[in-house]
Amino acid sequence: MTVTEGMSSAIPSLTPENFWSFYKAEIQETGSWRAYQEDGSWTPIAISAAESVCRKFGFQTCREYLRLDVLAWTGSWTDTDYDWDLRVAFENENGPSWEDELCKLAHIVSDLRVLVAYQLWVGQRTKEDLEKYLIRQRRRVVRDCNCKWLFIFGPYYGNRNGCWAAYTLDESAKCIQLLDESPLLGTHMKT
């Protein structure tokens, strides 16, 4: 992980790769396979993990502001002083279609936009869904080229041997899988 110039060595730079590395460790530590299989149990874990990761980057967080699951910012945000910068916009979606969340995030200007979704049935191909959605949403996704993207896809809840996968986008909105030397499997999570 790289460190931003002028910042303490304890605070990593905000990249899709660094966020994924911390998020993966957080859900492995705080989640369980049983909770993953139950939407009502997993969603609070996924959102809490995102908040924890954002704090590792030195950001303040809140939930449901701008109707985002998690928003992370720096700067001043008080009842009289609104001088803040949106650093992370995070959405978690457990439904069969998450294109609405993709579209919503495409309208948000932040340093990193993170969308977490799950393979809900055998044979679903989340990367193919992403590529299909990106065709429709491309003009929105690429209009602000300074924002980075991170897409995290959990495995099918019935396959404990399934692997989590993470993707980002290049400048032309082409989907690129993040290299992961130690991928997270359902079997790596507590039971």
N, C-alpha and C. Protein backbone atom coordinates (compact mmCIF):
# COMPACT_ATOMS: atom_id res chain seq x y z
N MET A 1 0.83 -1.17 0.00
CA MET A 1 0.00 0.00 0.00
C MET A 1 0.88 1.24 0.00
N THR A 2 0.46 2.23 -0.71
CA THR A 2 1.23 3.46 -0.77
C THR A 2 0.66 4.46 0.21
N VAL A 3 1.50 5.42 0.57
CA VAL A 3 1.10 6.44 1.52
C VAL A 3 1.06 7.77 0.80
N THR A 4 0.01 8.54 1.03
CA THR A 4 -0.12 9.85 0.43
C THR A 4 0.94 10.78 1.00
N GLU A 5 1.59 11.57 0.13
CA GLU A 5 2.61 12.49 0.59
C GLU A 5 2.06 13.44 1.62
N GLY A 6 2.86 13.68 2.65
CA GLY A 6 2.46 14.62 3.68
C GLY A 6 1.55 14.02 4.73
N MET A 7 1.14 12.77 4.55
CA MET A 7 0.26 12.14 5.53
C MET A 7 1.07 11.17 6.38
N SER A 8 0.56 10.86 7.52
CA SER A 8 1.19 9.89 8.40
C SER A 8 1.31 8.56 7.69
N SER A 9 2.38 7.84 7.98
CA SER A 9 2.58 6.54 7.34
C SER A 9 1.51 5.53 7.74
N ALA A 10 0.73 5.84 8.77
CA ALA A 10 -0.32 4.92 9.22
C ALA A 10 -1.57 5.01 8.34
N ILE A 11 -1.69 6.05 7.53
CA ILE A 11 -2.89 6.22 6.71
C ILE A 11 -2.54 5.86 5.26
N PRO A 12 -3.15 4.80 4.73
CA PRO A 12 -2.87 4.40 3.34
C PRO A 12 -3.55 5.32 2.34
N SER A 13 -3.10 5.27 1.10
CA SER A 13 -3.76 6.04 0.06
C SER A 13 -5.07 5.33 -0.33
N LEU A 14 -6.03 6.12 -0.73
CA LEU A 14 -7.34 5.59 -1.11
C LEU A 14 -7.29 5.13 -2.56
N THR A 15 -7.27 3.83 -2.75
CA THR A 15 -7.32 3.22 -4.08
C THR A 15 -8.33 2.08 -4.03
N PRO A 16 -8.86 1.67 -5.18
CA PRO A 16 -9.75 0.50 -5.17
C PRO A 16 -9.06 -0.72 -4.56
N GLU A 17 -7.79 -0.91 -4.86
CA GLU A 17 -7.05 -2.08 -4.35
C GLU A 17 -6.93 -2.04 -2.83
N ASN A 18 -6.58 -0.87 -2.28
CA ASN A 18 -6.44 -0.76 -0.83
C ASN A 18 -7.78 -0.92 -0.12
N PHE A 19 -8.81 -0.30 -0.67
CA PHE A 19 -10.13 -0.43 -0.05
C PHE A 19 -10.55 -1.90 -0.04
N TRP A 20 -10.38 -2.60 -1.16
CA TRP A 20 -10.77 -4.01 -1.24
C TRP A 20 -9.97 -4.85 -0.24
N SER A 21 -8.69 -4.59 -0.12
CA SER A 21 -7.86 -5.35 0.81
C SER A 21 -8.37 -5.20 2.25
N PHE A 22 -8.66 -3.98 2.66
CA PHE A 22 -9.18 -3.74 4.01
C PHE A 22 -10.59 -4.30 4.18
N TYR A 23 -11.43 -4.11 3.17
CA TYR A 23 -12.82 -4.57 3.27
C TYR A 23 -12.88 -6.09 3.36
N LYS A 24 -12.08 -6.74 2.55
CA LYS A 24 -12.03 -8.21 2.57
C LYS A 24 -11.64 -8.71 3.97
N ALA A 25 -10.62 -8.11 4.54
CA ALA A 25 -10.18 -8.51 5.89
C ALA A 25 -11.27 -8.23 6.93
N GLU A 26 -11.94 -7.12 6.78
CA GLU A 26 -12.98 -6.74 7.75
C GLU A 26 -14.17 -7.69 7.70
N ILE A 27 -14.66 -8.03 6.51
CA ILE A 27 -15.81 -8.93 6.46
C ILE A 27 -15.42 -10.35 6.88
N GLN A 28 -14.18 -10.72 6.63
CA GLN A 28 -13.73 -12.03 7.08
C GLN A 28 -13.66 -12.07 8.61
N GLU A 29 -13.24 -10.97 9.21
CA GLU A 29 -13.11 -10.89 10.66
C GLU A 29 -14.46 -10.77 11.37
N THR A 30 -15.36 -9.95 10.82
CA THR A 30 -16.60 -9.67 11.54
C THR A 30 -17.80 -10.47 11.04
N GLY A 31 -17.71 -11.00 9.83
CA GLY A 31 -18.82 -11.75 9.27
C GLY A 31 -18.71 -13.24 9.50
N SER A 32 -19.71 -13.94 9.06
CA SER A 32 -19.70 -15.41 9.11
C SER A 32 -20.46 -15.91 7.89
N TRP A 33 -20.21 -17.16 7.54
CA TRP A 33 -20.92 -17.72 6.40
C TRP A 33 -22.42 -17.78 6.67
N ARG A 34 -22.80 -18.09 7.89
CA ARG A 34 -24.22 -18.16 8.25
C ARG A 34 -24.88 -16.78 8.08
N ALA A 35 -24.22 -15.73 8.54
CA ALA A 35 -24.77 -14.37 8.38
C ALA A 35 -24.82 -14.00 6.90
N TYR A 36 -23.81 -14.42 6.13
CA TYR A 36 -23.78 -14.12 4.70
C TYR A 36 -24.99 -14.69 3.98
N GLN A 37 -25.47 -15.82 4.45
CA GLN A 37 -26.60 -16.49 3.83
C GLN A 37 -27.94 -15.84 4.16
N GLU A 38 -27.95 -14.89 5.08
CA GLU A 38 -29.19 -14.25 5.50
C GLU A 38 -29.08 -12.74 5.31
N ASP A 39 -29.85 -12.21 4.37
CA ASP A 39 -29.80 -10.78 4.04
C ASP A 39 -29.93 -9.91 5.29
N GLY A 40 -30.86 -10.21 6.15
CA GLY A 40 -31.08 -9.40 7.35
C GLY A 40 -29.89 -9.37 8.28
N SER A 41 -29.09 -10.43 8.29
CA SER A 41 -27.90 -10.48 9.12
C SER A 41 -26.69 -9.90 8.41
N TRP A 42 -26.60 -10.08 7.09
CA TRP A 42 -25.39 -9.68 6.37
C TRP A 42 -25.32 -8.18 6.10
N THR A 43 -26.40 -7.56 5.74
CA THR A 43 -26.37 -6.14 5.36
C THR A 43 -25.74 -5.27 6.45
N PRO A 44 -26.11 -5.40 7.73
CA PRO A 44 -25.45 -4.58 8.75
C PRO A 44 -23.95 -4.85 8.85
N ILE A 45 -23.54 -6.09 8.61
CA ILE A 45 -22.11 -6.43 8.65
C ILE A 45 -21.39 -5.74 7.49
N ALA A 46 -21.97 -5.81 6.30
CA ALA A 46 -21.35 -5.19 5.12
C ALA A 46 -21.22 -3.68 5.29
N ILE A 47 -22.24 -3.05 5.82
CA ILE A 47 -22.22 -1.60 5.99
C ILE A 47 -21.26 -1.20 7.11
N SER A 48 -21.28 -1.93 8.21
CA SER A 48 -20.36 -1.65 9.31
C SER A 48 -18.90 -1.84 8.86
N ALA A 49 -18.66 -2.86 8.06
CA ALA A 49 -17.30 -3.10 7.53
C ALA A 49 -16.85 -1.92 6.68
N ALA A 50 -17.75 -1.39 5.86
CA ALA A 50 -17.40 -0.23 5.02
C ALA A 50 -17.04 0.97 5.88
N GLU A 51 -17.82 1.20 6.93
CA GLU A 51 -17.51 2.32 7.83
C GLU A 51 -16.15 2.14 8.49
N SER A 52 -15.87 0.94 8.94
CA SER A 52 -14.59 0.65 9.58
C SER A 52 -13.43 0.89 8.63
N VAL A 53 -13.58 0.45 7.39
CA VAL A 53 -12.53 0.64 6.38
C VAL A 53 -12.34 2.13 6.11
N CYS A 54 -13.41 2.86 5.97
CA CYS A 54 -13.29 4.31 5.72
C CYS A 54 -12.54 5.01 6.84
N ARG A 55 -12.77 4.60 8.08
CA ARG A 55 -12.06 5.20 9.21
C ARG A 55 -10.57 4.87 9.16
N LYS A 56 -10.19 3.72 8.60
CA LYS A 56 -8.76 3.39 8.45
C LYS A 56 -8.06 4.37 7.52
N PHE A 57 -8.83 4.98 6.62
CA PHE A 57 -8.28 5.99 5.72
C PHE A 57 -8.32 7.38 6.35
N GLY A 58 -8.82 7.48 7.57
CA GLY A 58 -8.88 8.76 8.27
C GLY A 58 -10.13 9.57 7.99
N PHE A 59 -11.17 8.93 7.44
CA PHE A 59 -12.39 9.64 7.06
C PHE A 59 -13.43 9.54 8.16
N GLN A 60 -14.31 10.53 8.19
CA GLN A 60 -15.51 10.47 9.01
C GLN A 60 -16.60 9.80 8.18
N THR A 61 -17.56 9.18 8.83
CA THR A 61 -18.60 8.47 8.08
C THR A 61 -19.98 8.80 8.61
N CYS A 62 -20.96 8.55 7.76
CA CYS A 62 -22.36 8.58 8.18
C CYS A 62 -23.14 7.66 7.25
N ARG A 63 -24.33 7.31 7.68
CA ARG A 63 -25.19 6.43 6.90
C ARG A 63 -26.38 7.20 6.35
N GLU A 64 -26.80 6.79 5.17
CA GLU A 64 -28.03 7.25 4.53
C GLU A 64 -28.07 8.75 4.22
N TYR A 65 -26.94 9.45 4.27
CA TYR A 65 -26.93 10.82 3.78
C TYR A 65 -26.85 10.72 2.26
N LEU A 66 -27.58 11.53 1.55
CA LEU A 66 -27.73 11.42 0.10
C LEU A 66 -28.28 10.05 -0.31
N ARG A 67 -28.91 9.38 0.64
CA ARG A 67 -29.47 8.04 0.46
C ARG A 67 -28.40 7.01 0.09
N LEU A 68 -27.17 7.25 0.53
CA LEU A 68 -26.09 6.28 0.36
C LEU A 68 -25.98 5.44 1.61
N ASP A 69 -25.68 4.16 1.44
CA ASP A 69 -25.52 3.29 2.62
C ASP A 69 -24.43 3.85 3.54
N VAL A 70 -23.29 4.22 2.96
CA VAL A 70 -22.21 4.84 3.73
C VAL A 70 -21.61 5.96 2.90
N LEU A 71 -21.38 7.06 3.56
CA LEU A 71 -20.71 8.20 2.96
C LEU A 71 -19.51 8.51 3.86
N ALA A 72 -18.34 8.71 3.26
CA ALA A 72 -17.14 9.04 4.04
C ALA A 72 -16.60 10.37 3.52
N TRP A 73 -16.19 11.22 4.44
CA TRP A 73 -15.76 12.54 4.05
C TRP A 73 -14.60 13.03 4.91
N THR A 74 -13.98 14.11 4.42
CA THR A 74 -13.00 14.86 5.18
C THR A 74 -13.45 16.31 5.18
N GLY A 75 -12.95 17.07 6.12
CA GLY A 75 -13.30 18.48 6.20
C GLY A 75 -14.19 18.76 7.38
N SER A 76 -14.91 19.85 7.28
CA SER A 76 -15.75 20.31 8.38
C SER A 76 -17.23 20.19 8.00
N TRP A 77 -17.97 19.52 8.87
CA TRP A 77 -19.40 19.32 8.65
C TRP A 77 -20.11 19.51 9.99
N THR A 78 -20.59 20.72 10.20
CA THR A 78 -21.30 21.03 11.44
C THR A 78 -22.60 21.73 11.07
N ASP A 79 -23.36 22.13 12.08
CA ASP A 79 -24.62 22.83 11.82
C ASP A 79 -24.41 24.19 11.17
N THR A 80 -23.20 24.74 11.28
CA THR A 80 -22.94 26.06 10.72
C THR A 80 -21.81 26.08 9.70
N ASP A 81 -21.11 24.98 9.54
CA ASP A 81 -19.94 24.95 8.65
C ASP A 81 -20.02 23.72 7.74
N TYR A 82 -20.25 23.95 6.47
CA TYR A 82 -20.36 22.86 5.51
C TYR A 82 -19.22 22.97 4.51
N ASP A 83 -18.05 22.55 4.92
CA ASP A 83 -16.86 22.61 4.08
C ASP A 83 -16.23 21.22 4.07
N TRP A 84 -16.91 20.27 3.39
CA TRP A 84 -16.46 18.89 3.42
C TRP A 84 -16.33 18.34 2.00
N ASP A 85 -15.48 17.33 1.88
CA ASP A 85 -15.24 16.66 0.59
C ASP A 85 -15.66 15.21 0.70
N LEU A 86 -16.44 14.77 -0.25
CA LEU A 86 -16.90 13.39 -0.29
C LEU A 86 -15.78 12.51 -0.82
N ARG A 87 -15.34 11.57 -0.02
CA ARG A 87 -14.21 10.72 -0.39
C ARG A 87 -14.67 9.34 -0.86
N VAL A 88 -15.65 8.74 -0.15
CA VAL A 88 -16.15 7.41 -0.52
C VAL A 88 -17.67 7.42 -0.51
N ALA A 89 -18.25 6.89 -1.58
CA ALA A 89 -19.69 6.65 -1.67
C ALA A 89 -19.85 5.13 -1.77
N PHE A 90 -20.57 4.53 -0.84
CA PHE A 90 -20.66 3.08 -0.72
C PHE A 90 -22.11 2.63 -0.77
N GLU A 91 -22.38 1.63 -1.61
CA GLU A 91 -23.71 1.02 -1.71
C GLU A 91 -23.58 -0.49 -1.64
N ASN A 92 -24.44 -1.12 -0.86
CA ASN A 92 -24.53 -2.57 -0.73
C ASN A 92 -25.90 -2.98 -1.23
N GLU A 93 -25.95 -3.94 -2.16
CA GLU A 93 -27.25 -4.37 -2.71
C GLU A 93 -27.36 -5.88 -2.70
N ASN A 94 -28.40 -6.37 -2.03
CA ASN A 94 -28.63 -7.81 -1.95
C ASN A 94 -29.69 -8.29 -2.92
N GLY A 95 -30.24 -7.39 -3.73
CA GLY A 95 -31.30 -7.77 -4.67
C GLY A 95 -30.74 -8.33 -5.96
N PRO A 96 -31.62 -8.88 -6.79
CA PRO A 96 -31.17 -9.51 -8.03
C PRO A 96 -30.63 -8.51 -9.06
N SER A 97 -31.06 -7.26 -8.98
CA SER A 97 -30.55 -6.25 -9.90
C SER A 97 -30.00 -5.09 -9.08
N TRP A 98 -28.80 -4.69 -9.40
CA TRP A 98 -28.17 -3.58 -8.70
C TRP A 98 -27.81 -2.45 -9.67
N GLU A 99 -28.47 -2.44 -10.84
CA GLU A 99 -28.21 -1.36 -11.79
C GLU A 99 -28.66 -0.01 -11.23
N ASP A 100 -29.71 0.01 -10.43
CA ASP A 100 -30.16 1.26 -9.82
C ASP A 100 -29.05 1.86 -8.95
N GLU A 101 -28.36 1.04 -8.17
CA GLU A 101 -27.27 1.52 -7.33
C GLU A 101 -26.10 2.00 -8.19
N LEU A 102 -25.83 1.29 -9.28
CA LEU A 102 -24.78 1.72 -10.20
C LEU A 102 -25.11 3.11 -10.76
N CYS A 103 -26.33 3.30 -11.20
CA CYS A 103 -26.76 4.59 -11.75
C CYS A 103 -26.67 5.67 -10.68
N LYS A 104 -27.14 5.37 -9.47
CA LYS A 104 -27.08 6.35 -8.39
C LYS A 104 -25.63 6.76 -8.13
N LEU A 105 -24.73 5.79 -8.00
CA LEU A 105 -23.33 6.10 -7.74
C LEU A 105 -22.70 6.89 -8.88
N ALA A 106 -23.14 6.64 -10.10
CA ALA A 106 -22.59 7.37 -11.25
C ALA A 106 -22.90 8.86 -11.17
N HIS A 107 -23.93 9.23 -10.41
CA HIS A 107 -24.29 10.64 -10.25
C HIS A 107 -23.61 11.28 -9.04
N ILE A 108 -22.86 10.51 -8.29
CA ILE A 108 -22.19 11.00 -7.09
C ILE A 108 -20.72 11.27 -7.42
N VAL A 109 -20.24 12.45 -7.07
CA VAL A 109 -18.83 12.77 -7.26
C VAL A 109 -18.11 12.50 -5.94
N SER A 110 -17.24 11.52 -5.97
CA SER A 110 -16.42 11.17 -4.80
C SER A 110 -15.12 10.57 -5.31
N ASP A 111 -14.14 10.50 -4.45
CA ASP A 111 -12.86 9.92 -4.86
C ASP A 111 -13.01 8.45 -5.24
N LEU A 112 -13.84 7.73 -4.48
CA LEU A 112 -14.05 6.30 -4.75
C LEU A 112 -15.52 5.98 -4.59
N ARG A 113 -16.06 5.29 -5.59
CA ARG A 113 -17.44 4.81 -5.53
C ARG A 113 -17.36 3.28 -5.43
N VAL A 114 -18.02 2.73 -4.42
CA VAL A 114 -17.94 1.29 -4.14
C VAL A 114 -19.35 0.71 -4.21
N LEU A 115 -19.48 -0.36 -4.98
CA LEU A 115 -20.75 -1.09 -5.07
C LEU A 115 -20.48 -2.54 -4.73
N VAL A 116 -21.19 -3.05 -3.73
CA VAL A 116 -21.09 -4.45 -3.33
C VAL A 116 -22.40 -5.14 -3.70
N ALA A 117 -22.30 -6.25 -4.41
CA ALA A 117 -23.47 -7.03 -4.82
C ALA A 117 -23.12 -8.51 -4.69
N TYR A 118 -24.13 -9.36 -4.86
CA TYR A 118 -23.97 -10.78 -4.57
C TYR A 118 -24.56 -11.63 -5.68
N GLN A 119 -23.94 -12.76 -5.90
CA GLN A 119 -24.48 -13.74 -6.85
C GLN A 119 -25.64 -14.43 -6.15
N LEU A 120 -26.84 -14.22 -6.65
CA LEU A 120 -28.03 -14.69 -5.93
C LEU A 120 -28.51 -16.06 -6.38
N TRP A 121 -28.03 -16.55 -7.51
CA TRP A 121 -28.45 -17.88 -7.95
C TRP A 121 -27.30 -18.55 -8.69
N VAL A 122 -27.38 -19.86 -8.76
CA VAL A 122 -26.36 -20.64 -9.46
C VAL A 122 -26.34 -20.22 -10.92
N GLY A 123 -25.17 -20.03 -11.45
CA GLY A 123 -25.03 -19.67 -12.86
C GLY A 123 -25.05 -18.18 -13.14
N GLN A 124 -25.46 -17.36 -12.16
CA GLN A 124 -25.42 -15.91 -12.39
C GLN A 124 -23.97 -15.49 -12.56
N ARG A 125 -23.71 -14.64 -13.48
CA ARG A 125 -22.37 -14.15 -13.74
C ARG A 125 -22.33 -12.65 -13.46
N THR A 126 -21.86 -12.30 -12.27
CA THR A 126 -21.89 -10.90 -11.87
C THR A 126 -21.02 -10.02 -12.76
N LYS A 127 -19.90 -10.52 -13.24
CA LYS A 127 -19.06 -9.71 -14.13
C LYS A 127 -19.80 -9.44 -15.43
N GLU A 128 -20.49 -10.43 -15.96
CA GLU A 128 -21.26 -10.23 -17.18
C GLU A 128 -22.40 -9.23 -16.94
N ASP A 129 -23.03 -9.31 -15.77
CA ASP A 129 -24.07 -8.33 -15.42
C ASP A 129 -23.46 -6.93 -15.40
N LEU A 130 -22.29 -6.80 -14.77
CA LEU A 130 -21.62 -5.50 -14.71
C LEU A 130 -21.34 -4.97 -16.11
N GLU A 131 -20.79 -5.80 -16.97
CA GLU A 131 -20.48 -5.36 -18.33
C GLU A 131 -21.74 -4.94 -19.09
N LYS A 132 -22.83 -5.67 -18.88
CA LYS A 132 -24.11 -5.33 -19.52
C LYS A 132 -24.61 -3.98 -18.99
N TYR A 133 -24.57 -3.79 -17.67
CA TYR A 133 -25.02 -2.54 -17.08
C TYR A 133 -24.13 -1.37 -17.51
N LEU A 134 -22.84 -1.62 -17.65
CA LEU A 134 -21.93 -0.55 -18.05
C LEU A 134 -22.20 -0.06 -19.46
N ILE A 135 -22.72 -0.92 -20.32
CA ILE A 135 -23.09 -0.48 -21.67
C ILE A 135 -24.17 0.59 -21.58
N ARG A 136 -25.19 0.33 -20.76
CA ARG A 136 -26.29 1.29 -20.60
C ARG A 136 -25.87 2.53 -19.81
N GLN A 137 -25.02 2.36 -18.82
CA GLN A 137 -24.68 3.45 -17.91
C GLN A 137 -23.36 4.16 -18.28
N ARG A 138 -22.73 3.74 -19.36
CA ARG A 138 -21.38 4.20 -19.68
C ARG A 138 -21.23 5.72 -19.65
N ARG A 139 -22.12 6.45 -20.30
CA ARG A 139 -21.97 7.90 -20.36
C ARG A 139 -22.02 8.53 -18.96
N ARG A 140 -22.76 7.94 -18.06
CA ARG A 140 -22.81 8.45 -16.69
C ARG A 140 -21.55 8.06 -15.92
N VAL A 141 -21.12 6.83 -16.10
CA VAL A 141 -19.98 6.30 -15.37
C VAL A 141 -18.69 7.04 -15.72
N VAL A 142 -18.50 7.40 -16.99
CA VAL A 142 -17.23 7.99 -17.41
C VAL A 142 -17.24 9.52 -17.44
N ARG A 143 -18.36 10.15 -17.18
CA ARG A 143 -18.39 11.60 -17.32
C ARG A 143 -17.50 12.32 -16.31
N ASP A 144 -17.22 11.72 -15.18
CA ASP A 144 -16.30 12.31 -14.21
C ASP A 144 -15.10 11.38 -14.09
N CYS A 145 -14.10 11.64 -14.88
CA CYS A 145 -12.97 10.70 -14.98
C CYS A 145 -12.07 10.72 -13.75
N ASN A 146 -12.28 11.61 -12.79
CA ASN A 146 -11.44 11.63 -11.59
C ASN A 146 -11.93 10.67 -10.51
N CYS A 147 -13.12 10.14 -10.64
CA CYS A 147 -13.66 9.20 -9.67
C CYS A 147 -13.21 7.79 -10.01
N LYS A 148 -12.78 7.06 -9.00
CA LYS A 148 -12.42 5.65 -9.16
C LYS A 148 -13.61 4.80 -8.76
N TRP A 149 -13.64 3.59 -9.30
CA TRP A 149 -14.72 2.65 -9.02
C TRP A 149 -14.16 1.37 -8.42
N LEU A 150 -14.96 0.76 -7.53
CA LEU A 150 -14.67 -0.57 -7.00
C LEU A 150 -15.98 -1.33 -6.96
N PHE A 151 -15.98 -2.49 -7.62
CA PHE A 151 -17.13 -3.39 -7.60
C PHE A 151 -16.71 -4.65 -6.88
N ILE A 152 -17.45 -5.03 -5.85
CA ILE A 152 -17.15 -6.22 -5.07
C ILE A 152 -18.33 -7.16 -5.20
N PHE A 153 -18.05 -8.38 -5.62
CA PHE A 153 -19.11 -9.37 -5.81
C PHE A 153 -18.88 -10.56 -4.90
N GLY A 154 -19.87 -10.83 -4.06
CA GLY A 154 -19.82 -12.00 -3.19
C GLY A 154 -20.30 -13.23 -3.95
N PRO A 155 -19.90 -14.41 -3.49
CA PRO A 155 -20.28 -15.65 -4.17
C PRO A 155 -21.74 -16.02 -3.92
N TYR A 156 -22.18 -17.01 -4.66
CA TYR A 156 -23.52 -17.56 -4.46
C TYR A 156 -23.61 -18.08 -3.02
N TYR A 157 -24.66 -17.70 -2.31
CA TYR A 157 -24.78 -18.02 -0.88
C TYR A 157 -24.88 -19.52 -0.60
N GLY A 158 -25.16 -20.32 -1.61
CA GLY A 158 -25.25 -21.77 -1.42
C GLY A 158 -23.95 -22.50 -1.70
N ASN A 159 -22.92 -21.77 -2.09
CA ASN A 159 -21.63 -22.39 -2.44
C ASN A 159 -20.53 -21.83 -1.55
N ARG A 160 -20.28 -22.51 -0.45
CA ARG A 160 -19.27 -22.03 0.51
C ARG A 160 -17.87 -22.04 -0.09
N ASN A 161 -17.65 -22.77 -1.19
CA ASN A 161 -16.36 -22.76 -1.87
C ASN A 161 -16.24 -21.61 -2.87
N GLY A 162 -17.31 -20.83 -2.99
CA GLY A 162 -17.32 -19.71 -3.92
C GLY A 162 -16.36 -18.62 -3.50
N CYS A 163 -15.91 -17.85 -4.47
CA CYS A 163 -14.88 -16.84 -4.27
C CYS A 163 -15.45 -15.43 -4.44
N TRP A 164 -15.05 -14.53 -3.57
CA TRP A 164 -15.34 -13.11 -3.74
C TRP A 164 -14.46 -12.59 -4.87
N ALA A 165 -14.94 -11.60 -5.59
CA ALA A 165 -14.15 -10.99 -6.67
C ALA A 165 -14.33 -9.48 -6.63
N ALA A 166 -13.29 -8.77 -7.04
CA ALA A 166 -13.33 -7.31 -7.07
C ALA A 166 -12.84 -6.80 -8.42
N TYR A 167 -13.50 -5.75 -8.88
CA TYR A 167 -13.19 -5.17 -10.18
C TYR A 167 -13.10 -3.65 -10.05
N THR A 168 -12.39 -3.06 -10.97
CA THR A 168 -12.35 -1.62 -11.11
C THR A 168 -12.54 -1.30 -12.58
N LEU A 169 -12.52 -0.04 -12.93
CA LEU A 169 -12.68 0.37 -14.32
C LEU A 169 -11.46 1.16 -14.76
N ASP A 170 -11.08 0.98 -16.01
CA ASP A 170 -10.03 1.83 -16.56
C ASP A 170 -10.66 3.13 -17.06
N GLU A 171 -9.87 3.98 -17.68
CA GLU A 171 -10.35 5.30 -18.12
C GLU A 171 -11.48 5.22 -19.14
N SER A 172 -11.56 4.12 -19.88
CA SER A 172 -12.61 3.98 -20.89
C SER A 172 -13.80 3.16 -20.36
N ALA A 173 -13.86 2.95 -19.06
CA ALA A 173 -14.92 2.19 -18.40
C ALA A 173 -14.88 0.71 -18.73
N LYS A 174 -13.70 0.20 -19.06
CA LYS A 174 -13.53 -1.24 -19.25
C LYS A 174 -13.30 -1.89 -17.89
N CYS A 175 -13.99 -2.99 -17.68
CA CYS A 175 -13.94 -3.71 -16.41
C CYS A 175 -12.62 -4.48 -16.29
N ILE A 176 -11.93 -4.30 -15.16
CA ILE A 176 -10.66 -4.97 -14.90
C ILE A 176 -10.73 -5.65 -13.54
N GLN A 177 -10.48 -6.95 -13.50
CA GLN A 177 -10.48 -7.66 -12.22
C GLN A 177 -9.22 -7.32 -11.44
N LEU A 178 -9.38 -7.04 -10.16
CA LEU A 178 -8.22 -6.76 -9.31
C LEU A 178 -7.51 -8.07 -9.01
N LEU A 179 -6.21 -8.04 -9.12
CA LEU A 179 -5.42 -9.22 -8.79
C LEU A 179 -5.53 -9.44 -7.29
N ASP A 180 -5.69 -10.68 -6.91
CA ASP A 180 -5.89 -11.01 -5.51
C ASP A 180 -5.09 -12.27 -5.20
N GLU A 181 -3.95 -12.08 -4.56
CA GLU A 181 -3.08 -13.22 -4.27
C GLU A 181 -3.67 -14.17 -3.24
N SER A 182 -4.54 -13.66 -2.40
CA SER A 182 -5.21 -14.53 -1.42
C SER A 182 -6.71 -14.24 -1.45
N PRO A 183 -7.40 -14.78 -2.46
CA PRO A 183 -8.84 -14.49 -2.59
C PRO A 183 -9.63 -15.00 -1.39
N LEU A 184 -10.71 -14.31 -1.11
CA LEU A 184 -11.58 -14.68 -0.01
C LEU A 184 -12.62 -15.68 -0.51
N LEU A 185 -12.66 -16.82 0.13
CA LEU A 185 -13.66 -17.85 -0.16
C LEU A 185 -14.64 -17.90 1.01
N GLY A 186 -15.81 -18.43 0.74
CA GLY A 186 -16.76 -18.63 1.82
C GLY A 186 -16.19 -19.50 2.93
N THR A 187 -15.33 -20.44 2.56
CA THR A 187 -14.72 -21.33 3.56
C THR A 187 -13.75 -20.60 4.47
N HIS A 188 -13.30 -19.41 4.09
CA HIS A 188 -12.39 -18.63 4.94
C HIS A 188 -13.15 -17.87 6.03
N MET A 189 -14.47 -17.84 5.90
CA MET A 189 -15.28 -17.12 6.88
C MET A 189 -15.68 -18.07 8.01
N LYS A 190 -15.92 -17.49 9.16
CA LYS A 190 -16.41 -18.30 10.27
C LYS A 190 -17.74 -18.94 9.86
N THR A 191 -18.07 -20.06 10.50
CA THR A 191 -19.33 -20.74 10.15
C THR A 191 -20.51 -20.13 10.82
